[in-house]
């Protein structure tokens, strides 16, 4: 399977830390998607790039049947342990291995930017039944907070040029490049969107681990990782809000977009 090196190796090494250090998503966002798509008993949703199942477990609460697709074995093992009732397969967004017309909806949470979008969209169109929908979800940093902005600056300064990044996390004013693939694509309706604040209760130590679980950091050798850790700790130590080791709140925004396919 063709997977970006940073994701294939980085998330393999850091699956457990990823699960512990990443936020979940607001239940209000899941409820809004359940109403819009809709998701309910008797319907089926495919979760592309499901990771450790952060969003998968919320999709399961809707009553819809959930088919999770995740190429990294260590990530799939996290889903299988936490969600034994959810079907998990080893495909990619571009080649899921699922049967055509199996889904009423397809969701990609924190993952669409990793995909080869033309190929992934063709696969989504193959999977969807008539009138089905695609939903894209991202948790992005609230960089109006000074320490969060400095933290994110480290992430982007160390990122290789070809590293895919969530659109709003890069400081764009809107959903950005991902919408271009739909511009000349027949059969798709207009994009709808909603946004929710998503404060994440965590600790300074887990904020450090959040950086260390980033795919392009996790692929570094031990010495390089230690230098990154020291830099992150120095940045957090320079701000009153993150000085020390106590509980803190990491501010995220959850951005949700959905489109219907005729």
Protein backbone atom coordinates (compact mmCIF):
# COMPACT_ATOMS: atom_id res chain seq x y z
CA UNK A 1 0.00 0.00 0.00
CA UNK A 2 1.24 3.48 -0.85
CA UNK A 3 1.41 5.57 2.32
CA UNK A 4 3.48 8.70 3.00
CA UNK A 5 6.71 7.67 4.77
CA UNK A 6 6.08 9.96 7.74
CA UNK A 7 2.67 8.42 8.34
CA UNK A 8 3.64 4.83 7.63
CA UNK A 9 6.71 4.84 9.90
CA UNK A 10 5.96 7.67 12.31
CA UNK A 11 2.51 6.48 13.32
CA UNK A 12 3.76 2.91 13.50
CA UNK A 13 6.27 4.00 16.15
CA UNK A 14 3.95 6.38 17.99
CA UNK A 15 0.49 4.80 17.87
CA UNK A 16 0.17 4.50 21.65
CA UNK A 17 1.37 8.05 22.31
CA UNK A 18 -0.90 9.31 19.52
CA UNK A 19 -3.90 7.75 21.25
CA UNK A 20 -3.01 9.22 24.65
CA UNK A 21 -2.06 12.73 23.58
CA UNK A 22 -4.62 13.66 20.89
CA UNK A 23 -8.00 15.23 21.63
CA UNK A 24 -11.34 13.67 20.83
CA UNK A 25 -14.10 15.64 19.10
CA UNK A 26 -17.15 17.50 20.45
CA UNK A 27 -20.26 15.37 20.70
CA UNK A 28 -22.14 18.33 19.20
CA UNK A 29 -20.10 17.92 16.00
CA UNK A 30 -20.93 14.23 15.79
CA UNK A 31 -24.62 14.95 16.44
CA UNK A 32 -24.66 17.57 13.69
CA UNK A 33 -23.09 15.14 11.21
CA UNK A 34 -25.49 12.39 12.27
CA UNK A 35 -28.39 14.70 11.43
CA UNK A 36 -26.89 16.02 8.19
CA UNK A 37 -25.64 12.84 6.53
CA UNK A 38 -27.70 11.18 8.19
CA UNK A 39 -26.16 8.46 10.36
CA UNK A 40 -28.46 6.05 12.13
CA UNK A 41 -29.31 2.39 12.51
CA UNK A 42 -29.55 0.64 9.16
CA UNK A 43 -27.06 2.94 7.44
CA UNK A 44 -23.34 2.39 6.87
CA UNK A 45 -20.45 4.85 7.20
CA UNK A 46 -16.85 4.27 6.10
CA UNK A 47 -14.16 5.92 8.26
CA UNK A 48 -11.08 6.57 6.07
CA UNK A 49 -7.67 6.81 7.74
CA UNK A 50 -9.29 5.90 11.04
CA UNK A 51 -6.03 6.05 13.01
CA UNK A 52 -6.52 4.80 16.55
CA UNK A 53 -10.28 5.26 16.28
CA UNK A 54 -10.67 8.68 17.91
CA UNK A 55 -13.57 9.52 15.58
CA UNK A 56 -14.55 5.93 14.85
CA UNK A 57 -15.81 5.38 18.38
CA UNK A 58 -18.03 8.47 18.10
CA UNK A 59 -19.43 7.34 14.74
CA UNK A 60 -20.36 4.04 16.40
CA UNK A 61 -22.52 5.96 18.89
CA UNK A 62 -24.84 7.04 16.04
CA UNK A 63 -26.09 3.47 15.56
CA UNK A 64 -24.81 3.31 11.99
CA UNK A 65 -22.65 0.40 10.92
CA UNK A 66 -19.01 1.56 10.83
CA UNK A 67 -16.33 0.25 8.47
CA UNK A 68 -12.93 1.58 9.55
CA UNK A 69 -10.06 1.68 7.05
CA UNK A 70 -6.50 2.20 8.32
CA UNK A 71 -3.22 1.21 6.63
CA UNK A 72 -0.95 1.25 9.72
CA UNK A 73 -1.13 -2.04 11.63
CA UNK A 74 -0.32 -0.53 15.02
CA UNK A 75 -3.18 1.92 14.60
CA UNK A 76 -5.59 -0.85 13.61
CA UNK A 77 -4.61 -2.78 16.73
CA UNK A 78 -5.68 0.19 18.86
CA UNK A 79 -9.09 0.23 17.14
CA UNK A 80 -9.55 -3.52 17.47
CA UNK A 81 -8.77 -3.37 21.19
CA UNK A 82 -11.06 -0.43 21.91
CA UNK A 83 -13.87 -1.22 19.44
CA UNK A 84 -14.24 -4.98 18.99
CA UNK A 85 -17.63 -4.50 17.31
CA UNK A 86 -16.25 -2.31 14.51
CA UNK A 87 -14.96 -3.83 11.26
CA UNK A 88 -11.36 -2.70 10.61
CA UNK A 89 -9.59 -3.27 7.30
CA UNK A 90 -6.03 -2.59 6.12
CA UNK A 91 -6.77 -0.51 3.03
CA UNK A 92 -5.93 3.03 2.07
CA UNK A 93 -8.25 5.87 1.11
CA UNK A 94 -7.30 5.34 -2.51
CA UNK A 95 -7.78 1.55 -2.39
CA UNK A 96 -10.01 0.56 0.50
CA UNK A 97 -10.72 -2.99 -0.65
CA UNK A 98 -14.39 -2.46 0.26
CA UNK A 99 -17.20 -3.36 -2.16
CA UNK A 100 -18.69 -0.71 -4.44
CA UNK A 101 -21.87 0.94 -3.21
CA UNK A 102 -21.36 -0.22 0.38
CA UNK A 103 -21.68 3.17 2.11
CA UNK A 104 -24.28 5.82 2.78
CA UNK A 105 -21.54 8.16 3.99
CA UNK A 106 -17.75 8.38 4.06
CA UNK A 107 -15.89 10.29 6.77
CA UNK A 108 -12.23 11.30 7.02
CA UNK A 109 -11.31 12.74 10.42
CA UNK A 110 -7.83 14.27 10.71
CA UNK A 111 -6.76 12.34 7.62
CA UNK A 112 -7.92 13.73 4.26
CA UNK A 113 -4.78 15.86 3.83
CA UNK A 114 -2.70 12.65 3.81
CA UNK A 115 -4.47 11.21 0.76
CA UNK A 116 -3.83 11.52 -2.98
CA UNK A 117 -7.01 13.45 -3.33
CA UNK A 118 -8.06 12.68 -6.92
CA UNK A 119 -7.61 8.96 -6.32
CA UNK A 120 -9.24 9.11 -2.89
CA UNK A 121 -12.23 10.99 -4.26
CA UNK A 122 -12.65 8.44 -7.04
CA UNK A 123 -12.69 5.73 -4.37
CA UNK A 124 -15.24 7.66 -2.31
CA UNK A 125 -17.48 7.94 -5.37
CA UNK A 126 -17.16 4.18 -5.90
CA UNK A 127 -18.10 3.44 -2.29
CA UNK A 128 -21.08 5.79 -2.00
CA UNK A 129 -24.65 4.84 -2.77
CA UNK A 130 -26.68 7.46 -4.69
CA UNK A 131 -27.30 10.51 -2.52
CA UNK A 132 -24.44 9.63 -0.18
CA UNK A 133 -22.18 12.18 1.48
CA UNK A 134 -18.55 12.80 2.30
CA UNK A 135 -17.59 14.53 5.57
CA UNK A 136 -14.14 15.90 6.39
CA UNK A 137 -13.20 16.71 9.98
CA UNK A 138 -10.14 18.39 11.47
CA UNK A 139 -9.06 19.41 14.95
CA UNK A 140 -6.86 22.48 14.46
CA UNK A 141 -4.86 24.58 16.92
CA UNK A 142 -6.23 27.90 18.16
CA UNK A 143 -3.11 29.93 17.39
CA UNK A 144 -4.57 33.13 18.85
CA UNK A 145 -3.11 31.75 22.12
CA UNK A 146 0.60 32.74 22.24
CA UNK A 147 2.01 29.48 23.60
CA UNK A 148 0.00 27.45 21.07
CA UNK A 149 1.34 29.61 18.23
CA UNK A 150 4.94 29.07 19.41
CA UNK A 151 4.28 25.34 19.78
CA UNK A 152 2.89 25.10 16.25
CA UNK A 153 5.83 27.08 14.88
CA UNK A 154 8.14 24.25 15.96
CA UNK A 155 5.93 21.70 14.21
CA UNK A 156 6.00 23.53 10.87
CA UNK A 157 9.66 24.55 11.03
CA UNK A 158 10.67 20.90 11.40
CA UNK A 159 8.23 19.55 8.82
CA UNK A 160 9.65 18.36 5.48
CA UNK A 161 8.38 20.25 2.44
CA UNK A 162 6.26 17.37 1.22
CA UNK A 163 4.54 16.78 4.56
CA UNK A 164 0.75 17.05 4.19
CA UNK A 165 -0.81 19.29 6.84
CA UNK A 166 -4.36 19.99 7.99
CA UNK A 167 -5.54 23.03 6.01
CA UNK A 168 -6.47 25.44 8.77
CA UNK A 169 -3.48 24.48 10.90
CA UNK A 170 -1.32 26.08 8.24
CA UNK A 171 -2.95 29.44 8.97
CA UNK A 172 -5.22 29.54 5.91
CA UNK A 173 -8.41 31.58 6.13
CA UNK A 174 -10.60 28.78 4.84
CA UNK A 175 -10.58 25.09 3.98
CA UNK A 176 -7.98 25.76 1.31
CA UNK A 177 -6.50 23.41 -1.23
CA UNK A 178 -8.67 20.38 -0.49
CA UNK A 179 -11.70 22.08 -2.07
CA UNK A 180 -9.98 22.40 -5.45
CA UNK A 181 -10.45 18.71 -6.21
CA UNK A 182 -14.24 19.25 -6.12
CA UNK A 183 -14.25 22.38 -8.30
CA UNK A 184 -14.55 20.61 -11.66
CA UNK A 185 -15.84 17.30 -10.34
CA UNK A 186 -19.38 16.55 -11.54
CA UNK A 187 -21.99 15.23 -9.17
CA UNK A 188 -20.99 17.00 -5.97
CA UNK A 189 -23.19 19.54 -4.24
CA UNK A 190 -22.04 22.64 -2.34
CA UNK A 191 -19.83 22.41 0.73
CA UNK A 192 -21.52 22.91 4.07
CA UNK A 193 -19.48 23.61 7.18
CA UNK A 194 -19.66 24.14 10.92
CA UNK A 195 -17.04 24.85 13.58
CA UNK A 196 -16.90 24.16 17.30
CA UNK A 197 -14.45 25.12 20.07
CA UNK A 198 -12.80 21.97 21.38
CA UNK A 199 -10.71 22.68 24.50
CA UNK A 200 -8.63 19.65 25.45
CA UNK A 201 -7.84 19.08 29.13
CA UNK A 202 -4.30 17.80 29.29
CA UNK A 203 -0.95 18.30 31.01
CA UNK A 204 2.29 19.96 29.99
CA UNK A 205 3.91 16.52 29.72
CA UNK A 206 1.19 15.34 27.34
CA UNK A 207 1.54 18.48 25.23
CA UNK A 208 5.19 17.55 24.78
CA UNK A 209 4.13 14.02 23.82
CA UNK A 210 1.64 15.53 21.35
CA UNK A 211 4.60 16.99 19.49
CA UNK A 212 6.65 13.81 19.80
CA UNK A 213 3.81 11.73 18.32
CA UNK A 214 3.70 13.91 15.20
CA UNK A 215 4.57 11.70 12.27
CA UNK A 216 7.61 13.66 11.05
CA UNK A 217 9.04 13.85 14.58
CA UNK A 218 8.47 10.17 15.36
CA UNK A 219 10.56 9.12 12.33
CA UNK A 220 13.65 10.98 13.62
CA UNK A 221 16.50 9.18 15.33
CA UNK A 222 16.74 9.24 19.12
CA UNK A 223 19.22 12.13 19.32
CA UNK A 224 17.15 14.34 16.99
CA UNK A 225 13.98 13.53 18.92
CA UNK A 226 15.68 14.53 22.16
CA UNK A 227 16.63 17.89 20.65
CA UNK A 228 13.00 18.44 19.62
CA UNK A 229 11.79 17.48 23.09
CA UNK A 230 14.19 19.96 24.70
CA UNK A 231 13.06 22.75 22.35
CA UNK A 232 9.38 22.09 23.05
CA UNK A 233 10.00 22.02 26.81
CA UNK A 234 11.91 25.33 26.55
CA UNK A 235 9.07 26.97 24.62
CA UNK A 236 6.45 25.78 27.09
CA UNK A 237 8.63 26.86 30.00
CA UNK A 238 8.78 30.39 28.59
CA UNK A 239 5.01 30.96 28.96
CA UNK A 240 3.20 31.45 32.26
CA UNK A 241 0.27 29.29 31.14
CA UNK A 242 2.49 26.26 30.47
CA UNK A 243 5.30 26.70 32.98
CA UNK A 244 5.45 23.69 35.31
CA UNK A 245 3.89 20.27 35.02
CA UNK A 246 0.29 20.80 36.06
CA UNK A 247 -3.01 20.48 34.22
CA UNK A 248 -3.60 22.87 31.33
CA UNK A 249 -6.13 23.36 28.57
CA UNK A 250 -4.99 23.08 24.96
CA UNK A 251 -7.38 25.05 22.75
CA UNK A 252 -8.49 23.40 19.52
CA UNK A 253 -11.21 24.17 17.01
CA UNK A 254 -13.09 21.32 15.35
CA UNK A 255 -13.80 22.11 11.69
CA UNK A 256 -16.41 19.97 9.90
CA UNK A 257 -17.22 20.07 6.17
CA UNK A 258 -19.62 17.88 4.23
CA UNK A 259 -20.76 17.49 0.62
CA UNK A 260 -23.44 15.32 -0.94
CA UNK A 261 -22.93 13.25 -4.08
CA UNK A 262 -25.87 12.92 -6.46
